[in-house]
Amino acid sequence: MVCPEDAVPEEVACEGDWRILKLEGPFEFSEVGILASVTTPLAEAGVGIFAVSTYDTDYVLVKEEQLESAAASLRRLGHEVL
């Protein structure tokens, strides 16, 4: 389950400090390799991810301590990271 950290009951175990990168969509179902164009360079940079896909876009969550490394890796390949 993905939800804001402050919405998690105290008795429920959770792992926090995730930051989200939204891939600007919408993307057609026939488009392939979009998520891979982001996750492959992150894997090569040693950045762990949690991916969430919806019907028209994708989200990549990275731990807060890896956010700058993730953003730098993506910018080097021409991705715009805001």
C-alpha atoms as a PDB file:
ATOM      1  CA  MET A   1       0.000   0.000   0.000  1.00  0.00           C
ATOM      2  CA  VAL A   2       1.227   3.503  -0.793  1.00  0.00           C
ATOM      3  CA  CYS A   3      -0.023   6.415   1.275  1.00  0.00           C
ATOM      4  CA  PRO A   4       1.261   9.492   3.104  1.00  0.00           C
ATOM      5  CA  GLU A   5       3.403   8.547   6.099  1.00  0.00           C
ATOM      6  CA  ASP A   6       1.191  10.486   8.488  1.00  0.00           C
ATOM      7  CA  ALA A   7      -1.786   8.322   7.446  1.00  0.00           C
ATOM      8  CA  VAL A   8      -0.165   5.082   8.631  1.00  0.00           C
ATOM      9  CA  PRO A   9      -1.458   3.876  12.016  1.00  0.00           C
ATOM     10  CA  GLU A  10       1.256   3.527  14.662  1.00  0.00           C
ATOM     11  CA  GLU A  11       0.739  -0.235  14.961  1.00  0.00           C
ATOM     12  CA  VAL A  12       1.425  -0.774  11.243  1.00  0.00           C
ATOM     13  CA  ALA A  13       4.999  -1.296  10.085  1.00  0.00           C
ATOM     14  CA  CYS A  14       6.040   0.993   7.268  1.00  0.00           C
ATOM     15  CA  GLU A  15       9.143   2.205   5.531  1.00  0.00           C
ATOM     16  CA  GLY A  16       9.177   5.950   5.065  1.00  0.00           C
ATOM     17  CA  ASP A  17      11.335   8.695   3.608  1.00  0.00           C
ATOM     18  CA  TRP A  18      10.381   8.014  -0.009  1.00  0.00           C
ATOM     19  CA  ARG A  19      10.356  10.809  -2.586  1.00  0.00           C
ATOM     20  CA  ILE A  20       8.344  10.557  -5.771  1.00  0.00           C
ATOM     21  CA  LEU A  21       9.348  11.250  -9.360  1.00  0.00           C
ATOM     22  CA  LYS A  22       6.401  11.509 -11.737  1.00  0.00           C
ATOM     23  CA  LEU A  23       6.968  10.631 -15.369  1.00  0.00           C
ATOM     24  CA  GLU A  24       4.979  13.185 -17.319  1.00  0.00           C
ATOM     25  CA  GLY A  25       2.280  11.428 -19.296  1.00  0.00           C
ATOM     26  CA  PRO A  26      -0.083  10.484 -20.541  1.00  0.00           C
ATOM     27  CA  PHE A  27       1.534   7.489 -22.198  1.00  0.00           C
ATOM     28  CA  GLU A  28      -0.269   5.182 -24.582  1.00  0.00           C
ATOM     29  CA  PHE A  29      -0.309   1.470 -23.733  1.00  0.00           C
ATOM     30  CA  SER A  30       1.477   0.831 -27.038  1.00  0.00           C
ATOM     31  CA  GLU A  31       4.508   2.879 -25.922  1.00  0.00           C
ATOM     32  CA  VAL A  32       7.222   0.611 -24.575  1.00  0.00           C
ATOM     33  CA  GLY A  33      10.444   1.245 -22.678  1.00  0.00           C
ATOM     34  CA  ILE A  34       9.345   4.415 -20.921  1.00  0.00           C
ATOM     35  CA  LEU A  35       9.800   3.130 -17.396  1.00  0.00           C
ATOM     36  CA  ALA A  36      12.991   1.311 -18.405  1.00  0.00           C
ATOM     37  CA  SER A  37      14.484   4.578 -19.705  1.00  0.00           C
ATOM     38  CA  VAL A  38      14.337   5.834 -16.123  1.00  0.00           C
ATOM     39  CA  THR A  39      14.862   2.702 -14.049  1.00  0.00           C
ATOM     40  CA  THR A  40      17.864   1.365 -15.985  1.00  0.00           C
ATOM     41  CA  PRO A  41      20.112   4.393 -15.348  1.00  0.00           C
ATOM     42  CA  LEU A  42      18.977   4.471 -11.724  1.00  0.00           C
ATOM     43  CA  ALA A  43      19.919   0.810 -11.305  1.00  0.00           C
ATOM     44  CA  GLU A  44      23.302   1.486 -12.916  1.00  0.00           C
ATOM     45  CA  ALA A  45      23.827   4.327 -10.407  1.00  0.00           C
ATOM     46  CA  GLY A  46      22.956   2.022  -7.510  1.00  0.00           C
ATOM     47  CA  VAL A  47      19.681   3.801  -6.723  1.00  0.00           C
ATOM     48  CA  GLY A  48      16.952   1.544  -5.378  1.00  0.00           C
ATOM     49  CA  ILE A  49      13.438   2.265  -6.617  1.00  0.00           C
ATOM     50  CA  PHE A  50       9.795   1.457  -6.021  1.00  0.00           C
ATOM     51  CA  ALA A  51       7.746   1.853  -9.220  1.00  0.00           C
ATOM     52  CA  VAL A  52       4.026   2.543  -9.391  1.00  0.00           C
ATOM     53  CA  SER A  53       2.200   2.501 -12.720  1.00  0.00           C
ATOM     54  CA  THR A  54      -1.240   3.893 -13.464  1.00  0.00           C
ATOM     55  CA  TYR A  55      -3.354   3.838 -16.591  1.00  0.00           C
ATOM     56  CA  ASP A  56      -1.673   6.928 -18.071  1.00  0.00           C
ATOM     57  CA  THR A  57       1.649   7.539 -16.316  1.00  0.00           C
ATOM     58  CA  ASP A  58       4.303   6.055 -14.053  1.00  0.00           C
ATOM     59  CA  TYR A  59       5.841   7.087 -10.752  1.00  0.00           C
ATOM     60  CA  VAL A  60       9.280   6.163  -9.471  1.00  0.00           C
ATOM     61  CA  LEU A  61       9.867   6.438  -5.746  1.00  0.00           C
ATOM     62  CA  VAL A  62      13.402   6.725  -4.390  1.00  0.00           C
ATOM     63  CA  LYS A  63      14.630   6.990  -0.841  1.00  0.00           C
ATOM     64  CA  GLU A  64      15.264  10.569   0.261  1.00  0.00           C
ATOM     65  CA  GLU A  65      18.988   9.956   0.793  1.00  0.00           C
ATOM     66  CA  GLN A  66      19.312   8.843  -2.859  1.00  0.00           C
ATOM     67  CA  LEU A  67      17.204  11.607  -4.410  1.00  0.00           C
ATOM     68  CA  GLU A  68      20.096  13.847  -5.478  1.00  0.00           C
ATOM     69  CA  SER A  69      22.008  10.918  -6.965  1.00  0.00           C
ATOM     70  CA  ALA A  70      18.869   9.808  -8.814  1.00  0.00           C
ATOM     71  CA  ALA A  71      18.184  13.286 -10.177  1.00  0.00           C
ATOM     72  CA  ALA A  72      21.797  13.736 -11.309  1.00  0.00           C
ATOM     73  CA  SER A  73      21.792  10.353 -13.073  1.00  0.00           C
ATOM     74  CA  LEU A  74      18.606  11.199 -14.962  1.00  0.00           C
ATOM     75  CA  ARG A  75      19.733  14.728 -15.880  1.00  0.00           C
ATOM     76  CA  ARG A  76      22.963  13.360 -17.385  1.00  0.00           C
ATOM     77  CA  LEU A  77      20.799  11.407 -19.841  1.00  0.00           C
ATOM     78  CA  GLY A  78      18.676  14.411 -20.777  1.00  0.00           C
ATOM     79  CA  HIS A  79      15.694  13.820 -18.508  1.00  0.00           C
ATOM     80  CA  GLU A  80      14.236  16.966 -16.965  1.00  0.00           C
ATOM     81  CA  VAL A  81      13.955  16.643 -13.192  1.00  0.00           C
ATOM     82  CA  LEU A  82      12.088  19.395 -11.386  1.00  0.00           C
END
